[in-house]
Amino acid sequence: MKPIILPENYNYIAAFLTLCCNLNCDYCINRQGEFKVSEEMSGKDWIKGLLRIQTREDLSITLQGGEPTLHKDFYEIAGKLYDKNKKMDLLTNGLFDVGEFCNKISPSVFEREAKYASIRFSYHANTNMQALMAKVWLLQIRGYSVGIWGLDNIDNTEIQDFCKWLNIDFRVKEYLDKTHGTYKYPKALNGRLKKVLCKPSELLINPVGYIFRCHADLYANRNPIGHILADEITFPDYLPCDYFGACNSCDIKLKTNRFQEYGHCSVIIEGVE
């Protein structure tokens, strides 16, 4: 199969292995149950598709979800990509068996040069803080690159103090909805649809292998630009969009890029005031 060569402006590669999750946060942006587990791509197909991507030293493949470790072939996927020298990150809620994880995933599997941890644990209101801290600390002393990311809609004081004491990287991200968050295009959330031109900078792959230009399209399962196993995939520059006004907050927020430089937005939109 032909290699997938990303445009230079692409800042992120996300493989949504599954949208299933073993937490039940009422503010979750993932549409749980959008796909049946039986519809998800097999580990064999994920490996075949992800190995086509020509990654760079500064651009890794992020395994995420949902909770990516719930995919039945998670360990096979991570192991095969590592064997082929693919740089990877992992976004997880931490509800996996730490013994199994350490037996099957060495610290070098999720290891690369970056200004932030390659295994990033999410901390939510439903998270058992003590259990998460014990797991992250165990992985850290075994040499894994780990950190915890919380949201600013909950009180993070206690876990921040623990992380400081144990020298664990803890960071806070903005909670996002129509009234909270720092957005480059605030009108993108007002519900009044408008036609625009949109230039993406992220490769987003849903659980069945389709590629989308933004989270809004991915969660709505509309307008894929290709499939990870298609013979040829092209990445157009600006694409027409009829859904400005119903954007996903992840796509239009201001954030740090992969170099931890603040002010990045996942999309550039033309045709708005």
C-alpha atoms as a PDB file:
ATOM      1  CA  MET A   1       0.000   0.000   0.000  1.00  0.00           C
ATOM      2  CA  LYS A   2       1.164   3.529  -0.731  1.00  0.00           C
ATOM      3  CA  PRO A   3       2.576   5.516   2.199  1.00  0.00           C
ATOM      4  CA  ILE A   4       0.460   8.289   3.714  1.00  0.00           C
ATOM      5  CA  ILE A   5       2.407  11.536   3.572  1.00  0.00           C
ATOM      6  CA  LEU A   6       0.910  14.264   5.740  1.00  0.00           C
ATOM      7  CA  PRO A   7       1.028  17.965   4.873  1.00  0.00           C
ATOM      8  CA  GLU A   8       3.699  19.895   6.748  1.00  0.00           C
ATOM      9  CA  ASN A   9       1.095  21.875   8.717  1.00  0.00           C
ATOM     10  CA  TYR A  10      -0.317  18.753  10.357  1.00  0.00           C
ATOM     11  CA  ASN A  11       0.198  18.920  14.113  1.00  0.00           C
ATOM     12  CA  TYR A  12      -1.523  15.800  15.470  1.00  0.00           C
ATOM     13  CA  ILE A  13      -2.314  12.177  14.553  1.00  0.00           C
ATOM     14  CA  ALA A  14      -5.154  10.576  16.525  1.00  0.00           C
ATOM     15  CA  ALA A  15      -6.145   6.925  16.249  1.00  0.00           C
ATOM     16  CA  PHE A  16      -9.495   6.508  18.023  1.00  0.00           C
ATOM     17  CA  LEU A  17      -9.152   2.760  18.557  1.00  0.00           C
ATOM     18  CA  THR A  18     -12.549   2.632  20.245  1.00  0.00           C
ATOM     19  CA  LEU A  19     -15.126   5.050  21.636  1.00  0.00           C
ATOM     20  CA  CYS A  20     -15.967   2.656  24.481  1.00  0.00           C
ATOM     21  CA  CYS A  21     -15.038   3.859  27.959  1.00  0.00           C
ATOM     22  CA  ASN A  22     -15.248   2.440  31.479  1.00  0.00           C
ATOM     23  CA  LEU A  23     -15.958   5.846  33.012  1.00  0.00           C
ATOM     24  CA  ASN A  24     -19.294   7.632  32.714  1.00  0.00           C
ATOM     25  CA  CYS A  25     -18.543  11.369  32.854  1.00  0.00           C
ATOM     26  CA  ASP A  26     -21.642  13.398  32.033  1.00  0.00           C
ATOM     27  CA  TYR A  27     -19.571  16.011  30.150  1.00  0.00           C
ATOM     28  CA  CYS A  28     -17.698  13.548  27.915  1.00  0.00           C
ATOM     29  CA  ILE A  29     -17.362  14.725  24.305  1.00  0.00           C
ATOM     30  CA  ASN A  30     -17.133  11.177  22.944  1.00  0.00           C
ATOM     31  CA  ARG A  31     -20.341   9.684  21.613  1.00  0.00           C
ATOM     32  CA  GLN A  32     -20.212   6.405  23.478  1.00  0.00           C
ATOM     33  CA  GLY A  33     -21.892   3.560  21.638  1.00  0.00           C
ATOM     34  CA  GLU A  34     -21.617   5.277  18.242  1.00  0.00           C
ATOM     35  CA  PHE A  35     -20.100   2.066  16.892  1.00  0.00           C
ATOM     36  CA  LYS A  36     -20.634  -1.485  18.039  1.00  0.00           C
ATOM     37  CA  VAL A  37     -17.486  -3.230  19.189  1.00  0.00           C
ATOM     38  CA  SER A  38     -18.010  -5.759  16.386  1.00  0.00           C
ATOM     39  CA  GLU A  39     -17.713  -2.900  13.844  1.00  0.00           C
ATOM     40  CA  GLU A  40     -14.348  -1.660  15.095  1.00  0.00           C
ATOM     41  CA  MET A  41     -11.306  -2.340  12.960  1.00  0.00           C
ATOM     42  CA  SER A  42      -9.239  -5.316  13.958  1.00  0.00           C
ATOM     43  CA  GLY A  43      -5.759  -4.895  15.319  1.00  0.00           C
ATOM     44  CA  LYS A  44      -4.399  -6.318  12.075  1.00  0.00           C
ATOM     45  CA  ASP A  45      -6.080  -3.574  10.028  1.00  0.00           C
ATOM     46  CA  TRP A  46      -5.085  -0.827  12.475  1.00  0.00           C
ATOM     47  CA  ILE A  47      -1.476  -1.962  12.200  1.00  0.00           C
ATOM     48  CA  LYS A  48      -1.621  -2.104   8.413  1.00  0.00           C
ATOM     49  CA  GLY A  49      -3.144   1.373   8.213  1.00  0.00           C
ATOM     50  CA  LEU A  50      -1.029   3.140  10.825  1.00  0.00           C
ATOM     51  CA  LEU A  51       2.234   1.742   9.450  1.00  0.00           C
ATOM     52  CA  ARG A  52       1.487   3.592   6.204  1.00  0.00           C
ATOM     53  CA  ILE A  53       1.745   6.970   7.924  1.00  0.00           C
ATOM     54  CA  GLN A  54       5.110   8.611   7.436  1.00  0.00           C
ATOM     55  CA  THR A  55       5.602  10.101  10.867  1.00  0.00           C
ATOM     56  CA  ARG A  56       8.290  12.560  11.835  1.00  0.00           C
ATOM     57  CA  GLU A  57      10.467  12.744  14.928  1.00  0.00           C
ATOM     58  CA  ASP A  58       8.316  15.587  16.242  1.00  0.00           C
ATOM     59  CA  LEU A  59       4.952  14.048  15.276  1.00  0.00           C
ATOM     60  CA  SER A  60       3.883  10.817  16.953  1.00  0.00           C
ATOM     61  CA  ILE A  61       0.778   8.650  16.570  1.00  0.00           C
ATOM     62  CA  THR A  62      -1.557   9.070  19.546  1.00  0.00           C
ATOM     63  CA  LEU A  63      -3.571   5.996  20.547  1.00  0.00           C
ATOM     64  CA  GLN A  64      -6.771   7.229  22.180  1.00  0.00           C
ATOM     65  CA  GLY A  65     -10.527   6.791  22.424  1.00  0.00           C
ATOM     66  CA  GLY A  66     -12.795   6.391  24.407  1.00  0.00           C
ATOM     67  CA  GLU A  67     -10.396   4.271  26.369  1.00  0.00           C
ATOM     68  CA  PRO A  68      -7.880   2.752  23.902  1.00  0.00           C
ATOM     69  CA  THR A  69      -6.814  -0.096  26.176  1.00  0.00           C
ATOM     70  CA  LEU A  70     -10.362  -1.504  25.862  1.00  0.00           C
ATOM     71  CA  HIS A  71      -9.690  -2.442  22.239  1.00  0.00           C
ATOM     72  CA  LYS A  72      -9.232  -6.187  22.219  1.00  0.00           C
ATOM     73  CA  ASP A  73      -5.994  -5.914  20.222  1.00  0.00           C
ATOM     74  CA  PHE A  74      -4.513  -2.882  21.979  1.00  0.00           C
ATOM     75  CA  TYR A  75      -1.298  -4.605  23.058  1.00  0.00           C
ATOM     76  CA  GLU A  76      -0.755  -6.140  19.635  1.00  0.00           C
ATOM     77  CA  ILE A  77      -1.230  -2.748  17.956  1.00  0.00           C
ATOM     78  CA  ALA A  78       1.192  -0.950  20.264  1.00  0.00           C
ATOM     79  CA  GLY A  79       3.776  -3.727  20.039  1.00  0.00           C
ATOM     80  CA  LYS A  80       3.758  -3.998  16.244  1.00  0.00           C
ATOM     81  CA  LEU A  81       3.999  -0.225  15.755  1.00  0.00           C
ATOM     82  CA  TYR A  82       6.937  -0.117  18.160  1.00  0.00           C
ATOM     83  CA  ASP A  83       8.652  -2.967  16.288  1.00  0.00           C
ATOM     84  CA  LYS A  84       8.447  -0.805  13.135  1.00  0.00           C
ATOM     85  CA  ASN A  85       9.941   2.220  14.960  1.00  0.00           C
ATOM     86  CA  LYS A  86       6.746   4.274  15.077  1.00  0.00           C
ATOM     87  CA  LYS A  87       6.699   6.966  17.748  1.00  0.00           C
ATOM     88  CA  MET A  88       3.551   6.762  19.872  1.00  0.00           C
ATOM     89  CA  ASP A  89       1.629   8.526  22.618  1.00  0.00           C
ATOM     90  CA  LEU A  90      -1.163   7.105  24.767  1.00  0.00           C
ATOM     91  CA  LEU A  91      -4.191   8.958  26.163  1.00  0.00           C
ATOM     92  CA  THR A  92      -5.841   6.853  28.875  1.00  0.00           C
ATOM     93  CA  ASN A  93      -8.107   7.067  31.903  1.00  0.00           C
ATOM     94  CA  GLY A  94      -5.795   4.579  33.632  1.00  0.00           C
ATOM     95  CA  LEU A  95      -8.378   1.867  34.270  1.00  0.00           C
ATOM     96  CA  PHE A  96      -6.202  -0.910  32.906  1.00  0.00           C
ATOM     97  CA  ASP A  97      -4.440  -3.726  34.710  1.00  0.00           C
ATOM     98  CA  VAL A  98      -1.046  -2.258  35.537  1.00  0.00           C
ATOM     99  CA  GLY A  99       0.591  -5.674  35.879  1.00  0.00           C
ATOM    100  CA  GLU A 100      -0.533  -6.730  32.410  1.00  0.00           C
ATOM    101  CA  PHE A 101       0.494  -3.353  31.010  1.00  0.00           C
ATOM    102  CA  CYS A 102       4.027  -3.603  32.423  1.00  0.00           C
ATOM    103  CA  ASN A 103       4.406  -7.200  31.213  1.00  0.00           C
ATOM    104  CA  LYS A 104       3.370  -6.354  27.649  1.00  0.00           C
ATOM    105  CA  ILE A 105       4.533  -2.743  27.222  1.00  0.00           C
ATOM    106  CA  SER A 106       8.113  -1.767  27.988  1.00  0.00           C
ATOM    107  CA  PRO A 107       8.913   1.881  28.855  1.00  0.00           C
ATOM    108  CA  SER A 108      10.536   2.310  25.440  1.00  0.00           C
ATOM    109  CA  VAL A 109       7.270   1.633  23.540  1.00  0.00           C
ATOM    110  CA  PHE A 110       5.849   5.049  24.480  1.00  0.00           C
ATOM    111  CA  GLU A 111       9.056   7.029  24.552  1.00  0.00           C
ATOM    112  CA  ARG A 112      10.119   9.976  22.385  1.00  0.00           C
ATOM    113  CA  GLU A 113      11.656  13.425  22.646  1.00  0.00           C
ATOM    114  CA  ALA A 114       8.984  15.932  23.700  1.00  0.00           C
ATOM    115  CA  LYS A 115       8.202  18.555  26.327  1.00  0.00           C
ATOM    116  CA  TYR A 116       5.375  16.501  27.821  1.00  0.00           C
ATOM    117  CA  ALA A 117       4.721  12.904  28.864  1.00  0.00           C
ATOM    118  CA  SER A 118       3.991  10.337  26.187  1.00  0.00           C
ATOM    119  CA  ILE A 119       1.520   8.439  28.427  1.00  0.00           C
ATOM    120  CA  ARG A 120      -1.052  10.987  29.566  1.00  0.00           C
ATOM    121  CA  PHE A 121      -3.628  10.020  32.185  1.00  0.00           C
ATOM    122  CA  SER A 122      -6.902  11.934  32.345  1.00  0.00           C
ATOM    123  CA  TYR A 123      -8.199  12.941  35.763  1.00  0.00           C
ATOM    124  CA  HIS A 124     -11.968  13.351  36.028  1.00  0.00           C
ATOM    125  CA  ALA A 125     -14.530  13.808  38.768  1.00  0.00           C
ATOM    126  CA  ASN A 126     -15.307  10.069  38.543  1.00  0.00           C
ATOM    127  CA  THR A 127     -11.652   9.060  38.877  1.00  0.00           C
ATOM    128  CA  ASN A 128     -10.438   7.307  42.028  1.00  0.00           C
ATOM    129  CA  MET A 129      -7.563   9.637  42.850  1.00  0.00           C
ATOM    130  CA  GLN A 130      -5.667   7.281  45.166  1.00  0.00           C
ATOM    131  CA  ALA A 131      -5.810   4.395  42.696  1.00  0.00           C
ATOM    132  CA  LEU A 132      -4.694   6.614  39.822  1.00  0.00           C
ATOM    133  CA  MET A 133      -1.824   8.130  41.801  1.00  0.00           C
ATOM    134  CA  ALA A 134      -0.554   4.700  42.851  1.00  0.00           C
ATOM    135  CA  LYS A 135      -0.632   3.442  39.279  1.00  0.00           C
ATOM    136  CA  VAL A 136       1.083   6.497  37.787  1.00  0.00           C
ATOM    137  CA  TRP A 137       3.751   6.548  40.486  1.00  0.00           C
ATOM    138  CA  LEU A 138       4.465   2.831  39.947  1.00  0.00           C
ATOM    139  CA  LEU A 139       4.858   3.355  36.210  1.00  0.00           C
ATOM    140  CA  GLN A 140       7.074   6.381  36.757  1.00  0.00           C
ATOM    141  CA  ILE A 141       9.529   4.573  39.030  1.00  0.00           C
ATOM    142  CA  ARG A 142       9.677   1.771  36.437  1.00  0.00           C
ATOM    143  CA  GLY A 143      10.817   4.257  33.818  1.00  0.00           C
ATOM    144  CA  TYR A 144       7.645   5.075  31.894  1.00  0.00           C
ATOM    145  CA  SER A 145       7.038   8.618  30.633  1.00  0.00           C
ATOM    146  CA  VAL A 146       3.817   9.513  32.469  1.00  0.00           C
ATOM    147  CA  GLY A 147       1.808  12.569  33.425  1.00  0.00           C
ATOM    148  CA  ILE A 148      -1.679  13.470  34.596  1.00  0.00           C
ATOM    149  CA  TRP A 149      -3.968  15.973  32.894  1.00  0.00           C
ATOM    150  CA  GLY A 150      -6.954  17.394  34.775  1.00  0.00           C
ATOM    151  CA  LEU A 151      -9.771  19.750  33.829  1.00  0.00           C
ATOM    152  CA  ASP A 152     -10.391  23.134  35.393  1.00  0.00           C
ATOM    153  CA  ASN A 153     -14.070  22.371  36.075  1.00  0.00           C
ATOM    154  CA  ILE A 154     -13.131  20.389  39.191  1.00  0.00           C
ATOM    155  CA  ASP A 155     -10.971  21.065  42.255  1.00  0.00           C
ATOM    156  CA  ASN A 156      -7.467  19.774  41.462  1.00  0.00           C
ATOM    157  CA  THR A 157      -5.763  21.033  44.634  1.00  0.00           C
ATOM    158  CA  GLU A 158      -5.331  17.662  46.360  1.00  0.00           C
ATOM    159  CA  ILE A 159      -4.041  15.756  43.350  1.00  0.00           C
ATOM    160  CA  GLN A 160      -1.736  18.637  42.391  1.00  0.00           C
ATOM    161  CA  ASP A 161      -0.180  18.523  45.873  1.00  0.00           C
ATOM    162  CA  PHE A 162       0.328  14.744  45.614  1.00  0.00           C
ATOM    163  CA  CYS A 163       1.880  15.052  42.155  1.00  0.00           C
ATOM    164  CA  LYS A 164       4.243  17.772  43.332  1.00  0.00           C
ATOM    165  CA  TRP A 165       5.334  15.610  46.257  1.00  0.00           C
ATOM    166  CA  LEU A 166       5.922  12.584  44.002  1.00  0.00           C
ATOM    167  CA  ASN A 167       7.474  14.645  41.185  1.00  0.00           C
ATOM    168  CA  ILE A 168       4.729  13.658  38.725  1.00  0.00           C
ATOM    169  CA  ASP A 169       3.916  16.040  35.898  1.00  0.00           C
ATOM    170  CA  PHE A 170       0.392  17.411  36.436  1.00  0.00           C
ATOM    171  CA  ARG A 171      -1.257  19.876  34.073  1.00  0.00           C
ATOM    172  CA  VAL A 172      -4.666  21.484  33.842  1.00  0.00           C
ATOM    173  CA  LYS A 173      -6.646  21.877  30.629  1.00  0.00           C
ATOM    174  CA  GLU A 174      -9.658  24.068  30.024  1.00  0.00           C
ATOM    175  CA  TYR A 175     -13.072  22.519  30.379  1.00  0.00           C
ATOM    176  CA  LEU A 176     -14.838  23.191  27.099  1.00  0.00           C
ATOM    177  CA  ASP A 177     -18.454  23.938  26.303  1.00  0.00           C
ATOM    178  CA  LYS A 178     -20.423  26.788  24.753  1.00  0.00           C
ATOM    179  CA  THR A 179     -19.766  29.097  27.698  1.00  0.00           C
ATOM    180  CA  HIS A 180     -16.328  27.908  28.882  1.00  0.00           C
ATOM    181  CA  GLY A 181     -13.083  27.857  26.938  1.00  0.00           C
ATOM    182  CA  THR A 182     -10.818  30.159  24.957  1.00  0.00           C
ATOM    183  CA  TYR A 183     -11.759  29.980  21.293  1.00  0.00           C
ATOM    184  CA  LYS A 184     -10.284  31.366  18.098  1.00  0.00           C
ATOM    185  CA  TYR A 185     -13.724  31.259  16.479  1.00  0.00           C
ATOM    186  CA  PRO A 186     -16.353  31.838  19.229  1.00  0.00           C
ATOM    187  CA  LYS A 187     -19.211  32.031  16.695  1.00  0.00           C
ATOM    188  CA  ALA A 188     -18.459  28.448  15.709  1.00  0.00           C
ATOM    189  CA  LEU A 189     -20.517  27.346  18.717  1.00  0.00           C
ATOM    190  CA  ASN A 190     -23.548  29.632  18.389  1.00  0.00           C
ATOM    191  CA  GLY A 191     -25.743  27.103  16.573  1.00  0.00           C
ATOM    192  CA  ARG A 192     -26.337  29.302  13.522  1.00  0.00           C
ATOM    193  CA  LEU A 193     -25.030  27.319  10.569  1.00  0.00           C
ATOM    194  CA  LYS A 194     -22.903  29.071   7.978  1.00  0.00           C
ATOM    195  CA  LYS A 195     -20.945  27.919   4.934  1.00  0.00           C
ATOM    196  CA  VAL A 196     -17.180  28.436   5.247  1.00  0.00           C
ATOM    197  CA  LEU A 197     -13.866  27.106   4.043  1.00  0.00           C
ATOM    198  CA  CYS A 198     -11.886  25.124   6.595  1.00  0.00           C
ATOM    199  CA  LYS A 199      -8.246  24.030   6.576  1.00  0.00           C
ATOM    200  CA  PRO A 200      -7.479  21.157   8.986  1.00  0.00           C
ATOM    201  CA  SER A 201      -4.188  20.292  10.677  1.00  0.00           C
ATOM    202  CA  GLU A 202      -5.035  16.978  12.350  1.00  0.00           C
ATOM    203  CA  LEU A 203      -5.332  13.399  11.110  1.00  0.00           C
ATOM    204  CA  LEU A 204      -8.321  11.943  12.973  1.00  0.00           C
ATOM    205  CA  ILE A 205      -9.177   8.265  12.411  1.00  0.00           C
ATOM    206  CA  ASN A 206     -12.408   6.818  13.799  1.00  0.00           C
ATOM    207  CA  PRO A 207     -12.816   3.255  15.155  1.00  0.00           C
ATOM    208  CA  VAL A 208     -13.776   1.837  11.752  1.00  0.00           C
ATOM    209  CA  GLY A 209     -10.862   3.480   9.951  1.00  0.00           C
ATOM    210  CA  TYR A 210     -12.365   6.535   8.284  1.00  0.00           C
ATOM    211  CA  ILE A 211     -10.342   9.761   8.283  1.00  0.00           C
ATOM    212  CA  PHE A 212     -11.960  13.072   9.208  1.00  0.00           C
ATOM    213  CA  ARG A 213     -10.797  16.673   9.089  1.00  0.00           C
ATOM    214  CA  CYS A 214     -12.275  17.614  12.490  1.00  0.00           C
ATOM    215  CA  HIS A 215     -13.782  16.165  15.664  1.00  0.00           C
ATOM    216  CA  ALA A 216     -17.240  17.471  14.726  1.00  0.00           C
ATOM    217  CA  ASP A 217     -17.251  15.393  11.548  1.00  0.00           C
ATOM    218  CA  LEU A 218     -15.750  12.374  13.285  1.00  0.00           C
ATOM    219  CA  TYR A 219     -18.363  12.257  16.058  1.00  0.00           C
ATOM    220  CA  ALA A 220     -21.185  12.902  13.564  1.00  0.00           C
ATOM    221  CA  ASN A 221     -19.679  10.262  11.224  1.00  0.00           C
ATOM    222  CA  ARG A 222     -20.027  12.565   8.197  1.00  0.00           C
ATOM    223  CA  ASN A 223     -17.892  13.655   5.261  1.00  0.00           C
ATOM    224  CA  PRO A 224     -14.819  11.422   5.683  1.00  0.00           C
ATOM    225  CA  ILE A 225     -11.911  12.390   3.445  1.00  0.00           C
ATOM    226  CA  GLY A 226     -10.827   8.787   3.013  1.00  0.00           C
ATOM    227  CA  HIS A 227     -10.146   5.489   4.737  1.00  0.00           C
ATOM    228  CA  ILE A 228      -6.892   4.436   6.348  1.00  0.00           C
ATOM    229  CA  LEU A 229      -6.827   1.302   4.135  1.00  0.00           C
ATOM    230  CA  ALA A 230      -7.778   3.013   0.863  1.00  0.00           C
ATOM    231  CA  ASP A 231      -5.297   2.674  -1.985  1.00  0.00           C
ATOM    232  CA  GLU A 232      -4.677   6.400  -2.108  1.00  0.00           C
ATOM    233  CA  ILE A 233      -5.439   9.234   0.298  1.00  0.00           C
ATOM    234  CA  THR A 234      -5.163  12.906  -0.560  1.00  0.00           C
ATOM    235  CA  PHE A 235      -5.281  15.851   1.807  1.00  0.00           C
ATOM    236  CA  PRO A 236      -6.912  18.903   0.244  1.00  0.00           C
ATOM    237  CA  ASP A 237      -6.008  22.361   1.476  1.00  0.00           C
ATOM    238  CA  TYR A 238      -9.217  24.261   2.267  1.00  0.00           C
ATOM    239  CA  LEU A 239     -12.437  22.232   2.285  1.00  0.00           C
ATOM    240  CA  PRO A 240     -15.987  23.611   2.093  1.00  0.00           C
ATOM    241  CA  CYS A 241     -18.065  23.113   5.246  1.00  0.00           C
ATOM    242  CA  ASP A 242     -21.783  23.704   5.831  1.00  0.00           C
ATOM    243  CA  TYR A 243     -21.625  23.234   9.601  1.00  0.00           C
ATOM    244  CA  PHE A 244     -19.823  26.294  10.957  1.00  0.00           C
ATOM    245  CA  GLY A 245     -21.864  27.222  14.036  1.00  0.00           C
ATOM    246  CA  ALA A 246     -22.070  23.588  15.140  1.00  0.00           C
ATOM    247  CA  CYS A 247     -18.344  22.996  15.484  1.00  0.00           C
ATOM    248  CA  ASN A 248     -16.777  20.838  18.170  1.00  0.00           C
ATOM    249  CA  SER A 249     -15.013  22.870  20.845  1.00  0.00           C
ATOM    250  CA  CYS A 250     -11.838  20.776  20.497  1.00  0.00           C
ATOM    251  CA  ASP A 251     -11.404  22.002  16.942  1.00  0.00           C
ATOM    252  CA  ILE A 252     -11.719  25.746  17.480  1.00  0.00           C
ATOM    253  CA  LYS A 253     -10.103  26.283  20.885  1.00  0.00           C
ATOM    254  CA  LEU A 254      -6.770  28.030  21.387  1.00  0.00           C
ATOM    255  CA  LYS A 255      -4.196  25.648  22.812  1.00  0.00           C
ATOM    256  CA  THR A 256      -0.547  24.625  22.733  1.00  0.00           C
ATOM    257  CA  ASN A 257       0.821  22.786  19.726  1.00  0.00           C
ATOM    258  CA  ARG A 258       3.093  19.739  19.876  1.00  0.00           C
ATOM    259  CA  PHE A 259       6.015  22.059  20.689  1.00  0.00           C
ATOM    260  CA  GLN A 260       4.057  23.462  23.673  1.00  0.00           C
ATOM    261  CA  GLU A 261       3.697  26.864  22.000  1.00  0.00           C
ATOM    262  CA  TYR A 262       0.419  28.530  22.957  1.00  0.00           C
ATOM    263  CA  GLY A 263      -1.896  30.069  20.368  1.00  0.00           C
ATOM    264  CA  HIS A 264      -2.421  27.074  18.082  1.00  0.00           C
ATOM    265  CA  CYS A 265      -5.851  26.194  16.676  1.00  0.00           C
ATOM    266  CA  SER A 266      -6.601  22.905  14.923  1.00  0.00           C
ATOM    267  CA  VAL A 267      -8.310  24.598  11.986  1.00  0.00           C
ATOM    268  CA  ILE A 268      -8.038  27.771   9.931  1.00  0.00           C
ATOM    269  CA  ILE A 269     -11.460  28.999   8.800  1.00  0.00           C
ATOM    270  CA  GLU A 270     -12.110  31.429   5.980  1.00  0.00           C
ATOM    271  CA  GLY A 271     -15.440  33.181   5.483  1.00  0.00           C
ATOM    272  CA  VAL A 272     -16.217  34.275   9.053  1.00  0.00           C
ATOM    273  CA  GLU A 273     -16.054  37.759  10.543  1.00  0.00           C
END
